[in-house]
Amino acid sequence: MRIWLDGELRDLESARVSVFDHGLTVGDGIFETVKAVDGTTFALTRHLDRLTRSARGLGLPDPDHAEVREACAAVLEANPMPLGRLRITYTGGHGPLGSDRGEHGPTLVVAVGPTARRPDTTAVITVPWTRNERGALTGLKTTSYAENVVALARAHEHGASEALFGNTVGALCEGTGSNVFVVLDGEIHTPPVASGCLPGITRALAVEWTGAKETDLPLDVLSRADEVFLTSTLRDVQAVHRVDDRELSGAPGPVTAKAMRVFDERSGQDLDP
């Protein structure tokens, strides 16, 4: 395994980040997960744009897109695989143990690992914890991910692959690493970014390609939606066959199945939409 760290490829044993890196000590960092098929990235420009938005939201210097592209290409060339999870991590760099940043500059890490195509359907649960739609990190893809770790572990305990959150006013928000869509009377709806959800790359493409509406939805819409599906970088569009104890028989339903087909077709035609 070869990993890009601060300007060069390194082997696994020498790719080491300082124990004083702010990304470790206080979660002062951002990241992107990019799908790579046969060494080619999907939607990399959109991911880099969001990486910059997240950096600005945290007050980090803008990442150098040319360097990140070079790093991604080098890592994929050094680690060939049919389907990969490419991870770009960008942190505040070496700093003090407190919340103040140091002056050493940011850390950039790019790594890739093999993955497999997701099943066509999955199970999800809802969790009692909330997303804060008014928080300082709302809408940013940061390394402060512990809430997601806890919620995803709860999902796995219940035989599900994802946990869904409401926000502080009881509206449907998002999953730990996915966006959620529901079908009501033949129309596709997804929570707006104002709900506190991450503006997902696949979410945006699904809205654009399917005509989905951004709608404020109560969390209990999951108990009555005709169909439910998730979107994310590695899920693409994935149908949901169970929400908590509710079975959605016949998943993927006709609207979701069409959305899956459209996404597969459009993403296959343009690797950087």
Protein backbone atom coordinates (compact mmCIF):
# COMPACT_ATOMS: atom_id res chain seq x y z
CA MET A 1 0.00 0.00 0.00
CA ARG A 2 1.31 3.42 -1.01
CA ILE A 3 -0.08 6.57 0.61
CA TRP A 4 0.35 10.24 -0.24
CA LEU A 5 1.46 12.30 2.74
CA ASP A 6 2.50 15.95 2.52
CA GLY A 7 3.84 16.00 -0.99
CA GLU A 8 5.02 12.47 -1.71
CA LEU A 9 4.10 8.82 -1.90
CA ARG A 10 5.17 6.73 1.07
CA ASP A 11 4.79 3.11 2.02
CA LEU A 12 2.48 2.10 4.84
CA GLU A 13 5.24 1.88 7.43
CA SER A 14 6.64 5.37 6.80
CA ALA A 15 3.34 7.20 6.29
CA ARG A 16 3.05 8.62 9.79
CA VAL A 17 1.29 11.75 11.01
CA SER A 18 2.44 13.52 14.19
CA VAL A 19 0.64 12.62 17.42
CA PHE A 20 0.21 16.39 17.80
CA ASP A 21 -1.68 16.76 14.51
CA HIS A 22 -4.84 18.79 15.16
CA GLY A 23 -6.87 16.30 13.17
CA LEU A 24 -6.10 13.73 15.89
CA THR A 25 -6.06 15.84 19.04
CA VAL A 26 -9.19 17.95 18.48
CA GLY A 27 -10.77 16.69 15.25
CA ASP A 28 -9.68 19.82 13.37
CA GLY A 29 -9.86 18.44 9.86
CA ILE A 30 -11.99 17.69 6.85
CA PHE A 31 -12.20 14.85 4.36
CA GLU A 32 -13.74 13.56 1.17
CA THR A 33 -14.46 10.01 0.06
CA VAL A 34 -14.27 9.56 -3.71
CA LYS A 35 -15.28 6.49 -5.72
CA ALA A 36 -12.57 5.18 -8.03
CA VAL A 37 -13.39 2.67 -10.77
CA ASP A 38 -10.41 1.00 -12.45
CA GLY A 39 -8.17 3.84 -11.32
CA THR A 40 -10.49 6.64 -12.46
CA THR A 41 -12.19 8.95 -9.98
CA PHE A 42 -15.88 9.88 -10.13
CA ALA A 43 -17.06 13.50 -9.63
CA LEU A 44 -13.65 14.60 -8.36
CA THR A 45 -14.22 18.26 -9.22
CA ARG A 46 -17.37 18.38 -7.09
CA HIS A 47 -15.53 16.67 -4.24
CA LEU A 48 -12.66 19.16 -4.41
CA ASP A 49 -15.10 22.08 -4.45
CA ARG A 50 -16.76 20.73 -1.31
CA LEU A 51 -13.36 20.12 0.29
CA THR A 52 -12.64 23.83 -0.20
CA ARG A 53 -16.02 24.84 1.22
CA SER A 54 -15.39 22.69 4.27
CA ALA A 55 -11.88 24.14 4.69
CA ARG A 56 -13.25 27.67 4.59
CA GLY A 57 -15.95 26.72 7.07
CA LEU A 58 -13.27 25.59 9.53
CA GLY A 59 -10.96 28.51 8.75
CA LEU A 60 -8.30 26.30 7.15
CA PRO A 61 -6.29 27.46 4.13
CA ASP A 62 -7.80 26.51 0.79
CA PRO A 63 -6.45 23.13 -0.34
CA ASP A 64 -4.38 23.20 -3.53
CA HIS A 65 -6.60 21.41 -6.04
CA ALA A 66 -3.69 20.68 -8.38
CA GLU A 67 -1.76 19.00 -5.56
CA VAL A 68 -4.77 16.98 -4.45
CA ARG A 69 -5.41 15.83 -8.02
CA GLU A 70 -1.75 14.84 -8.35
CA ALA A 71 -1.97 12.95 -5.07
CA CYS A 72 -5.13 11.12 -6.11
CA ALA A 73 -3.64 10.10 -9.46
CA ALA A 74 -0.40 8.92 -7.85
CA VAL A 75 -2.16 6.87 -5.19
CA LEU A 76 -4.49 5.21 -7.70
CA GLU A 77 -1.60 4.39 -10.02
CA ALA A 78 0.40 2.91 -7.15
CA ASN A 79 -2.53 0.86 -5.83
CA PRO A 80 -4.50 -0.60 -8.77
CA MET A 81 -7.90 -2.07 -7.91
CA PRO A 82 -11.23 -2.45 -9.73
CA LEU A 83 -13.30 -0.48 -7.21
CA GLY A 84 -11.69 1.74 -4.62
CA ARG A 85 -12.60 4.06 -1.76
CA LEU A 86 -10.27 7.04 -2.17
CA ARG A 87 -9.96 9.09 1.02
CA ILE A 88 -8.68 12.68 1.01
CA THR A 89 -7.94 13.98 4.52
CA TYR A 90 -6.89 17.57 5.19
CA THR A 91 -6.22 18.71 8.75
CA GLY A 92 -5.06 21.75 10.70
CA GLY A 93 -1.62 20.15 10.98
CA HIS A 94 0.80 20.01 13.90
CA GLY A 95 -0.53 22.07 16.78
CA PRO A 96 -0.83 22.46 20.54
CA LEU A 97 -2.94 20.14 22.69
CA GLY A 98 -5.62 22.81 23.07
CA SER A 99 -8.00 24.22 20.48
CA ASP A 100 -5.62 26.90 19.18
CA ARG A 101 -3.93 26.03 15.89
CA GLY A 102 -0.19 25.83 15.38
CA GLU A 103 1.74 27.53 12.60
CA HIS A 104 3.11 24.47 10.78
CA GLY A 105 0.45 24.45 8.07
CA PRO A 106 -2.09 21.78 7.12
CA THR A 107 -1.56 18.06 6.65
CA LEU A 108 -2.72 16.35 3.44
CA VAL A 109 -3.19 12.58 3.28
CA VAL A 110 -4.61 10.62 0.35
CA ALA A 111 -5.14 6.87 0.66
CA VAL A 112 -7.20 4.23 -1.11
CA GLY A 113 -8.67 0.91 -0.10
CA PRO A 114 -10.63 -1.75 -1.98
CA THR A 115 -14.39 -1.90 -1.68
CA ALA A 116 -17.25 -3.86 -3.17
CA ARG A 117 -20.45 -2.78 -4.91
CA ARG A 118 -23.25 -2.30 -2.39
CA PRO A 119 -26.34 -4.55 -2.35
CA ASP A 120 -29.37 -3.17 -4.18
CA THR A 121 -31.34 -2.85 -0.92
CA THR A 122 -30.51 -2.32 2.73
CA ALA A 123 -32.04 -1.86 6.18
CA VAL A 124 -31.86 1.33 8.24
CA ILE A 125 -32.85 2.42 11.73
CA THR A 126 -33.68 5.76 13.27
CA VAL A 127 -31.72 6.88 16.31
CA PRO A 128 -32.74 9.08 19.27
CA TRP A 129 -29.88 11.54 18.80
CA THR A 130 -30.26 14.70 16.73
CA ARG A 131 -28.37 16.66 14.12
CA ASN A 132 -27.90 20.32 15.05
CA GLU A 133 -28.99 22.28 12.00
CA ARG A 134 -27.56 25.46 13.56
CA GLY A 135 -24.16 24.13 14.63
CA ALA A 136 -20.77 25.55 13.65
CA LEU A 137 -19.96 22.40 11.66
CA THR A 138 -23.33 22.03 9.94
CA GLY A 139 -22.88 21.26 6.25
CA LEU A 140 -19.13 20.64 6.59
CA LYS A 141 -17.55 17.22 6.05
CA THR A 142 -15.23 17.18 9.05
CA THR A 143 -13.19 14.51 10.81
CA SER A 144 -15.27 15.14 13.96
CA TYR A 145 -17.14 11.93 13.25
CA ALA A 146 -17.66 10.31 16.65
CA GLU A 147 -21.44 10.85 16.64
CA ASN A 148 -21.59 8.88 13.41
CA VAL A 149 -19.44 6.09 14.83
CA VAL A 150 -21.82 5.67 17.77
CA ALA A 151 -24.96 5.79 15.62
CA LEU A 152 -23.58 3.39 13.00
CA ALA A 153 -22.62 0.91 15.71
CA ARG A 154 -26.24 1.06 16.93
CA ALA A 155 -27.41 0.35 13.37
CA HIS A 156 -25.15 -2.67 13.06
CA GLU A 157 -26.46 -4.03 16.37
CA HIS A 158 -29.94 -3.98 14.81
CA GLY A 159 -28.97 -5.64 11.54
CA ALA A 160 -28.93 -2.39 9.56
CA SER A 161 -26.26 -0.68 7.49
CA GLU A 162 -27.24 2.91 8.26
CA ALA A 163 -28.71 5.08 11.01
CA LEU A 164 -30.95 8.05 10.21
CA PHE A 165 -31.10 11.26 12.25
CA GLY A 166 -33.76 13.86 12.79
CA ASN A 167 -32.71 17.41 13.61
CA THR A 168 -33.48 19.53 16.67
CA VAL A 169 -36.99 20.41 15.45
CA GLY A 170 -37.93 16.80 14.63
CA ALA A 171 -37.43 17.00 10.88
CA LEU A 172 -35.83 14.21 8.86
CA CYS A 173 -32.17 15.07 8.22
CA GLU A 174 -29.65 12.46 7.04
CA GLY A 175 -27.75 9.26 7.73
CA THR A 176 -24.31 8.86 9.28
CA GLY A 177 -22.74 8.85 5.83
CA SER A 178 -25.64 9.18 3.44
CA ASN A 179 -28.54 11.35 2.38
CA VAL A 180 -32.09 10.05 2.50
CA PHE A 181 -34.89 10.30 -0.07
CA VAL A 182 -38.55 9.30 0.24
CA VAL A 183 -41.23 8.67 -2.36
CA LEU A 184 -44.69 10.10 -1.63
CA ASP A 185 -47.49 9.64 -4.17
CA GLY A 186 -44.97 8.96 -6.92
CA GLU A 187 -42.82 12.04 -6.19
CA ILE A 188 -39.27 11.97 -4.82
CA HIS A 189 -38.45 14.21 -1.86
CA THR A 190 -35.27 14.81 0.15
CA PRO A 191 -34.59 17.10 3.12
CA PRO A 192 -33.17 20.52 2.18
CA VAL A 193 -29.64 21.50 3.20
CA ALA A 194 -31.25 23.85 5.75
CA SER A 195 -32.28 20.72 7.69
CA GLY A 196 -28.65 20.32 8.70
CA CYS A 197 -27.77 17.53 6.30
CA LEU A 198 -24.47 17.35 4.49
CA PRO A 199 -24.82 18.58 0.89
CA GLY A 200 -23.88 15.21 -0.57
CA ILE A 201 -22.30 14.95 -4.00
CA THR A 202 -24.47 11.98 -4.97
CA ARG A 203 -27.47 13.72 -3.39
CA ALA A 204 -26.99 16.74 -5.67
CA LEU A 205 -26.66 14.57 -8.76
CA ALA A 206 -29.73 12.52 -7.81
CA VAL A 207 -31.77 15.71 -7.35
CA GLU A 208 -30.56 17.02 -10.69
CA TRP A 209 -31.07 13.78 -12.60
CA THR A 210 -34.39 12.64 -11.10
CA GLY A 211 -36.16 15.94 -10.44
CA ALA A 212 -36.43 15.22 -6.72
CA LYS A 213 -37.89 18.01 -4.59
CA GLU A 214 -36.14 19.45 -1.54
CA THR A 215 -38.86 19.36 1.11
CA ASP A 216 -39.07 19.84 4.86
CA LEU A 217 -40.16 16.43 6.09
CA PRO A 218 -41.07 15.21 9.59
CA LEU A 219 -39.03 12.29 10.85
CA ASP A 220 -42.16 10.13 10.94
CA VAL A 221 -42.46 10.37 7.15
CA LEU A 222 -40.37 7.19 7.20
CA SER A 223 -43.35 5.35 8.68
CA ARG A 224 -45.61 6.18 5.72
CA ALA A 225 -43.37 6.77 2.69
CA ASP A 226 -44.14 4.52 -0.27
CA GLU A 227 -40.41 4.04 -0.93
CA VAL A 228 -37.17 5.09 0.75
CA PHE A 229 -33.68 5.21 -0.67
CA LEU A 230 -30.21 6.40 0.30
CA THR A 231 -27.50 8.13 -1.70
CA SER A 232 -23.78 8.39 -1.04
CA THR A 233 -20.48 8.10 -2.86
CA LEU A 234 -20.24 4.34 -2.43
CA ARG A 235 -23.95 3.52 -2.24
CA ASP A 236 -24.84 5.51 -5.38
CA VAL A 237 -28.64 5.10 -5.16
CA GLN A 238 -29.60 2.27 -2.81
CA ALA A 239 -33.14 1.16 -1.98
CA VAL A 240 -34.25 0.62 1.63
CA HIS A 241 -36.25 -2.53 2.39
CA ARG A 242 -36.64 -1.97 6.15
CA VAL A 243 -36.90 1.10 8.37
CA ASP A 244 -36.76 0.10 12.06
CA ASP A 245 -39.49 -2.59 12.25
CA ARG A 246 -41.29 -1.50 9.09
CA GLU A 247 -40.78 -3.70 6.04
CA LEU A 248 -41.03 -2.06 2.61
CA SER A 249 -41.97 -5.07 0.54
CA GLY A 250 -40.90 -5.16 -3.06
CA ALA A 251 -37.97 -2.82 -2.63
CA PRO A 252 -36.66 -1.33 -4.79
CA GLY A 253 -40.03 0.09 -5.74
CA PRO A 254 -40.67 1.40 -9.24
CA VAL A 255 -39.65 5.01 -8.57
CA THR A 256 -36.47 4.00 -6.77
CA ALA A 257 -35.62 1.43 -9.44
CA LYS A 258 -35.90 4.13 -12.09
CA ALA A 259 -33.70 6.46 -10.03
CA MET A 260 -31.10 3.70 -9.74
CA ARG A 261 -31.13 3.13 -13.50
CA VAL A 262 -30.88 6.83 -14.28
CA PHE A 263 -27.99 7.30 -11.89
CA ASP A 264 -26.10 4.31 -13.30
CA GLU A 265 -26.61 5.55 -16.87
CA ARG A 266 -25.74 9.19 -16.26
CA SER A 267 -22.72 8.47 -14.06
CA GLY A 268 -21.41 6.03 -16.64
CA GLN A 269 -21.64 8.66 -19.37
CA ASP A 270 -19.73 11.37 -17.47
CA LEU A 271 -17.11 10.58 -14.83
CA ASP A 272 -16.78 14.20 -13.72
CA PRO A 273 -20.30 15.63 -13.91
